[in-house]
Protein backbone atom coordinates (compact mmCIF):
# COMPACT_ATOMS: atom_id res chain seq x y z
CA MET A 1 -187.49 135.99 149.93
CA LEU A 2 -185.30 138.82 148.63
CA THR A 3 -183.68 139.67 145.32
CA SER A 4 -181.00 142.13 144.19
CA ARG A 5 -180.61 143.46 140.66
CA THR A 6 -176.99 144.30 141.46
CA LEU A 7 -176.29 140.74 142.58
CA ASN A 8 -177.99 139.29 139.52
CA GLU A 9 -175.78 141.43 137.27
CA LEU A 10 -172.67 140.56 139.26
CA LEU A 11 -173.27 136.82 139.02
CA GLY A 12 -175.00 136.68 135.63
CA ALA A 13 -177.80 134.72 137.28
CA THR A 14 -181.28 135.13 138.72
CA VAL A 15 -180.80 134.86 142.47
CA PHE A 16 -183.44 134.36 145.16
CA MET A 17 -182.29 134.72 148.76
CA LYS A 18 -184.22 133.15 151.65
CA ALA A 19 -183.70 135.66 154.45
CA GLU A 20 -183.77 133.50 157.57
CA GLN A 21 -182.43 136.33 159.72
CA PHE A 22 -186.05 137.49 159.85
CA GLN A 23 -187.19 134.17 161.32
CA ARG A 24 -188.16 134.09 165.01
CA GLY A 25 -184.95 133.90 167.03
CA GLY A 26 -183.02 135.48 164.16
CA ALA A 27 -182.07 132.28 162.31
CA PHE A 28 -183.42 129.17 160.60
CA LYS A 29 -182.88 127.16 163.78
CA PHE A 30 -186.34 128.00 165.11
CA ARG A 31 -187.84 125.75 162.43
CA GLY A 32 -186.14 122.57 163.56
CA ALA A 33 -186.40 123.28 167.28
CA TYR A 34 -190.14 124.00 167.08
CA ASN A 35 -190.81 120.95 164.94
CA LYS A 36 -188.91 118.65 167.30
CA ILE A 37 -190.27 120.04 170.56
CA SER A 38 -193.86 120.17 169.30
CA GLN A 39 -193.78 116.41 168.74
CA LEU A 40 -192.43 115.39 172.15
CA GLU A 41 -194.73 113.35 174.37
CA ASP A 42 -195.22 114.89 177.84
CA PRO A 43 -191.90 116.80 178.04
CA VAL A 44 -190.87 118.06 181.49
CA ALA A 45 -187.65 119.89 180.60
CA LEU A 46 -185.38 120.53 177.62
CA ILE A 47 -181.61 120.24 177.20
CA ALA A 48 -179.65 121.48 174.20
CA TYR A 49 -176.09 122.33 173.23
CA SER A 50 -175.19 125.10 170.79
CA SER A 51 -172.85 127.99 170.08
CA GLY A 52 -175.82 130.30 169.82
CA ASN A 53 -178.55 130.09 167.19
CA HIS A 54 -179.91 126.68 168.16
CA ALA A 55 -179.57 127.73 171.79
CA GLN A 56 -181.75 130.76 171.14
CA ALA A 57 -184.27 128.69 169.21
CA VAL A 58 -184.67 126.08 171.95
CA ALA A 59 -184.87 128.75 174.63
CA LEU A 60 -187.57 130.60 172.69
CA VAL A 61 -189.64 127.48 171.97
CA ALA A 62 -189.31 126.42 175.62
CA ARG A 63 -190.69 129.82 176.63
CA ILE A 64 -193.59 129.45 174.18
CA LYS A 65 -194.34 125.95 175.47
CA GLY A 66 -193.86 126.85 179.15
CA LEU A 67 -190.99 124.40 179.65
CA PRO A 68 -187.72 124.85 181.56
CA ALA A 69 -184.62 124.68 179.36
CA THR A 70 -180.89 124.38 180.01
CA ILE A 71 -178.44 125.15 177.21
CA VAL A 72 -174.80 124.04 177.11
CA MET A 73 -172.83 126.81 175.36
CA PRO A 74 -169.09 127.33 174.69
CA GLU A 75 -167.25 129.85 176.84
CA ASP A 76 -166.49 131.91 173.73
CA ALA A 77 -170.10 132.07 172.49
CA PRO A 78 -170.97 135.53 171.10
CA ALA A 79 -172.25 137.78 173.87
CA VAL A 80 -175.35 138.78 171.89
CA LYS A 81 -176.41 135.11 171.55
CA LEU A 82 -175.66 134.31 175.18
CA ARG A 83 -177.67 137.31 176.32
CA ALA A 84 -180.64 136.36 174.13
CA VAL A 85 -180.72 132.80 175.50
CA LYS A 86 -180.85 134.10 179.06
CA GLU A 87 -183.47 136.72 178.21
CA TYR A 88 -185.70 133.98 176.77
CA GLY A 89 -185.53 132.38 180.22
CA ALA A 90 -183.18 129.42 179.74
CA ASP A 91 -180.37 128.46 182.08
CA VAL A 92 -176.87 128.38 180.57
CA ILE A 93 -173.97 126.07 181.39
CA THR A 94 -170.69 127.02 179.69
CA TYR A 95 -167.86 124.69 178.71
CA ASP A 96 -164.34 124.83 177.25
CA PRO A 97 -164.70 123.69 173.61
CA VAL A 98 -161.04 122.65 173.49
CA SER A 99 -161.00 120.35 176.52
CA GLU A 100 -164.65 119.42 177.13
CA ASP A 101 -167.29 117.56 175.10
CA ARG A 102 -170.61 119.37 174.95
CA GLY A 103 -172.46 116.19 174.00
CA GLU A 104 -171.23 114.40 177.11
CA ILE A 105 -172.25 117.33 179.33
CA ALA A 106 -175.71 117.44 177.76
CA ALA A 107 -176.16 113.66 178.07
CA ARG A 108 -175.36 113.82 181.77
CA LEU A 109 -177.91 116.59 182.29
CA VAL A 110 -180.57 114.61 180.42
CA THR A 111 -180.04 111.64 182.73
CA GLU A 112 -179.93 113.72 185.91
CA ARG A 113 -183.06 115.72 185.11
CA GLY A 114 -185.19 113.32 183.11
CA ALA A 115 -185.19 115.89 180.31
CA ASP A 116 -185.47 115.64 176.54
CA LEU A 117 -182.40 116.41 174.44
CA ILE A 118 -183.01 118.70 171.45
CA PRO A 119 -180.07 118.08 169.09
CA PRO A 120 -178.90 121.00 166.95
CA TYR A 121 -178.91 119.02 163.70
CA ASP A 122 -178.56 115.23 164.03
CA ASP A 123 -182.26 114.44 164.35
CA PRO A 124 -184.89 113.64 161.68
CA GLN A 125 -187.44 116.13 163.02
CA VAL A 126 -184.86 118.89 163.37
CA MET A 127 -183.70 118.28 159.79
CA ALA A 128 -187.28 118.22 158.51
CA GLY A 129 -188.04 121.50 160.23
CA ALA A 130 -184.93 123.13 158.78
CA GLY A 131 -185.86 121.88 155.32
CA THR A 132 -189.04 123.96 155.30
CA SER A 133 -186.79 126.92 154.48
CA ALA A 134 -186.05 125.52 151.02
CA MET A 135 -189.62 124.27 150.68
CA GLU A 136 -191.00 127.77 151.21
CA LEU A 137 -188.46 129.30 148.83
CA ILE A 138 -189.23 126.93 145.95
CA ASP A 139 -192.95 127.13 146.64
CA GLU A 140 -192.73 130.91 146.22
CA VAL A 141 -190.33 131.31 143.27
CA GLY A 142 -190.71 128.03 141.40
CA ALA A 143 -188.13 125.51 140.20
CA LEU A 144 -184.46 126.28 140.76
CA ASP A 145 -181.33 125.12 138.95
CA VAL A 146 -179.02 125.51 141.93
CA LEU A 147 -179.48 125.80 145.71
CA VAL A 148 -176.54 127.02 147.80
CA VAL A 149 -176.59 126.31 151.55
CA CYS A 150 -174.09 126.72 154.37
CA ILE A 151 -172.98 123.66 156.37
CA GLY A 152 -172.30 123.34 160.07
CA GLY A 153 -173.43 119.99 161.41
CA GLY A 154 -175.48 119.48 158.26
CA GLY A 155 -179.06 119.72 159.49
CA LEU A 156 -179.99 122.69 157.31
CA ILE A 157 -178.50 121.35 154.09
CA ALA A 158 -179.79 117.82 154.70
CA GLY A 159 -183.33 119.10 155.17
CA CYS A 160 -183.11 121.62 152.35
CA ALA A 161 -181.60 119.13 149.90
CA THR A 162 -184.35 116.63 150.68
CA ALA A 163 -187.06 119.22 150.06
CA ALA A 164 -185.36 120.72 147.01
CA HIS A 165 -184.85 117.44 145.18
CA SER A 166 -188.48 116.46 145.72
CA MET A 167 -189.82 119.82 144.53
CA SER A 168 -187.31 120.75 141.83
CA PRO A 169 -186.03 117.61 140.08
CA GLY A 170 -182.55 117.98 138.61
CA ILE A 171 -181.54 120.72 141.02
CA ARG A 172 -177.88 120.98 142.02
CA VAL A 173 -177.41 121.47 145.77
CA ILE A 174 -174.07 122.99 146.76
CA GLY A 175 -172.81 123.11 150.34
CA VAL A 176 -170.48 125.79 151.66
CA GLU A 177 -168.13 125.81 154.65
CA PRO A 178 -165.51 128.25 155.96
CA GLU A 179 -162.08 126.98 154.91
CA ASP A 180 -161.12 126.78 158.60
CA ALA A 181 -164.12 124.55 159.38
CA ASN A 182 -164.07 122.21 156.40
CA ASP A 183 -165.00 118.94 158.09
CA THR A 184 -167.75 118.12 155.59
CA ALA A 185 -165.62 118.94 152.54
CA LEU A 186 -162.88 116.64 153.86
CA SER A 187 -165.45 113.97 154.71
CA MET A 188 -166.95 114.10 151.22
CA ALA A 189 -163.49 113.66 149.71
CA ALA A 190 -162.68 110.77 152.05
CA GLY A 191 -166.06 109.06 151.68
CA LYS A 192 -166.47 108.91 155.45
CA ARG A 193 -166.87 111.26 158.42
CA VAL A 194 -163.61 113.06 159.19
CA VAL A 195 -162.82 114.78 162.49
CA ILE A 196 -160.90 118.07 162.45
CA ASP A 197 -159.40 120.20 165.20
CA ALA A 198 -161.60 122.81 166.86
CA PRO A 199 -162.22 125.36 164.09
CA ARG A 200 -161.05 128.97 164.36
CA THR A 201 -163.44 130.92 162.18
CA GLU A 202 -165.53 134.05 162.53
CA ALA A 203 -168.50 131.94 161.41
CA ASP A 204 -169.21 130.77 164.97
CA GLY A 205 -172.41 128.97 163.98
CA LEU A 206 -170.41 126.60 161.77
CA LYS A 207 -167.74 125.54 164.28
CA VAL A 208 -168.29 121.79 164.00
CA ILE A 209 -165.50 119.19 164.05
CA THR A 210 -167.30 116.41 162.15
CA PRO A 211 -170.54 115.99 160.17
CA GLY A 212 -173.55 114.47 161.88
CA VAL A 213 -174.08 110.72 161.91
CA LEU A 214 -177.53 111.15 160.36
CA THR A 215 -176.88 114.23 158.25
CA PHE A 216 -173.75 113.02 156.45
CA PRO A 217 -175.31 110.13 154.47
CA ILE A 218 -178.01 112.53 153.24
CA ILE A 219 -175.36 115.04 152.20
CA GLN A 220 -173.43 112.31 150.38
CA ARG A 221 -176.56 111.29 148.49
CA LEU A 222 -178.16 114.66 147.68
CA VAL A 223 -175.42 117.32 147.71
CA GLU A 224 -173.39 117.63 144.52
CA SER A 225 -170.32 119.20 146.10
CA VAL A 226 -169.04 121.12 149.11
CA VAL A 227 -166.89 124.21 148.57
CA THR A 228 -165.08 126.46 151.04
CA VAL A 229 -164.70 130.22 151.44
CA THR A 230 -162.16 132.39 153.22
CA GLY A 231 -162.76 134.78 156.08
CA PRO A 232 -162.36 137.88 153.86
CA GLU A 233 -164.84 136.43 151.35
CA ILE A 234 -167.41 135.93 154.12
CA VAL A 235 -166.92 139.52 155.27
CA ASP A 236 -167.26 140.78 151.68
CA ALA A 237 -170.66 139.07 151.46
CA MET A 238 -171.72 140.59 154.78
CA ALA A 239 -170.66 144.03 153.56
CA PHE A 240 -172.52 143.60 150.26
CA LEU A 241 -175.73 142.66 152.03
CA PHE A 242 -175.40 145.67 154.33
CA GLU A 243 -174.38 148.24 151.71
CA ARG A 244 -176.67 147.17 148.86
CA MET A 245 -179.64 145.64 150.67
CA SER A 246 -179.58 147.18 154.17
CA LEU A 247 -179.33 143.71 155.72
CA VAL A 248 -177.39 142.78 158.83
CA VAL A 249 -176.22 139.17 158.56
CA GLU A 250 -173.85 137.22 160.79
CA PRO A 251 -170.77 135.50 159.27
CA SER A 252 -172.41 132.05 159.27
CA GLY A 253 -175.43 133.50 157.52
CA ALA A 254 -173.32 135.00 154.72
CA VAL A 255 -171.27 131.90 153.88
CA ALA A 256 -173.51 130.64 151.07
CA LEU A 257 -173.61 134.05 149.40
CA ALA A 258 -169.85 134.35 149.83
CA ALA A 259 -169.34 131.21 147.73
CA ALA A 260 -171.53 132.61 144.96
CA MET A 261 -169.79 136.00 144.95
CA ALA A 262 -166.33 134.43 145.05
CA GLY A 263 -167.07 132.29 142.00
CA ARG A 264 -166.85 128.94 143.79
CA VAL A 265 -169.95 127.76 141.91
CA ASN A 266 -170.83 128.21 138.23
CA LEU A 267 -174.12 130.09 138.35
CA GLU A 268 -174.18 131.92 135.04
CA GLY A 269 -177.59 131.86 133.42
CA LYS A 270 -179.09 129.83 136.26
CA ARG A 271 -182.01 130.30 138.63
CA VAL A 272 -180.31 130.18 142.00
CA GLY A 273 -181.56 129.90 145.57
CA ILE A 274 -179.30 131.00 148.42
CA ILE A 275 -180.14 130.42 152.07
CA ILE A 276 -179.13 133.36 154.27
CA SER A 277 -179.16 131.33 157.46
CA GLY A 278 -179.13 133.93 160.23
CA GLY A 279 -178.41 137.42 161.48
CA ASN A 280 -177.56 137.15 165.16
CA ILE A 281 -174.57 139.42 165.60
CA GLY A 282 -173.91 142.32 167.94
CA PRO A 283 -173.34 145.83 166.58
CA GLU A 284 -169.76 146.11 167.80
CA ARG A 285 -168.65 142.84 166.20
CA PHE A 286 -170.54 143.55 163.00
CA CYS A 287 -168.94 146.97 162.64
CA ARG A 288 -165.49 145.58 163.41
CA LEU A 289 -165.82 142.95 160.73
CA VAL A 290 -167.26 144.99 157.89
CA SER A 291 -165.30 148.21 158.45
CA SER A 292 -161.79 147.03 159.34
CA PRO A 293 -159.13 145.55 157.03
CA TRP A 294 -159.08 141.78 157.51
CA ASN A 295 -155.33 141.73 158.11
CA ASN A 296 -155.80 143.99 161.11
CA GLN A 297 -158.15 141.46 162.69
CA HIS A 298 -156.20 138.24 162.18
CA ASP A 299 -152.55 137.28 162.13
């Protein structure tokens, strides 16, 4: 857990950041993957699909448990995440995220190999594992008024909201998405799961086209609202963490902080928890993002 006097002054709040980039595998995903895999009965092989952080987590847990793992990853997955998955010993099958369905590919592999599927978010044990992030934060710092969490498929916020409401009654849980990957915000407004086109956002860990079947009802029940942030706002948060706190955080990991810094949530005078979800980013991409004008990177 980390704090910043500068951030507190900027927001007029007392902010506690859960730094999940220091978790094994570089992101919160290790929590859910380990919890799920540890409870399997007589597993022979593991299959997962992920753009990177869940892929790394499953590959790492498989290595710890001595199990073979195959990960279905998009062709445009960040090189640093792809490399880590292979170095942990997992096999990788790539797919075109525009024309192919990763779930269908994974389901076929499960049938062919008699393997266990480890979902990235839509699983009770994965959600429970992810929720230990908020549990640890509140256990350490005490009751919070607000908890701000990024949203991809919804496993992290579903688990964290469940833990937070049980430990800190009256807490407001706020979800955050990139504006170009706003499937959960649209779904909350519509009152049902909405499907969007394949997102184009630097926050590669949050490129989901619709909320999870299991995660969305929990989000509807326990999350007060879902806000969105722009690409430049995400990069501003990454730059702040680097310049003021010497922290390297990937775009997905900085989304929740970006919402706080951009004023998307009223935090003044509040005790606030923010989940920094991960830090898996290569040096070249990190430097390009935080040092170059945004308009030079995107049309």
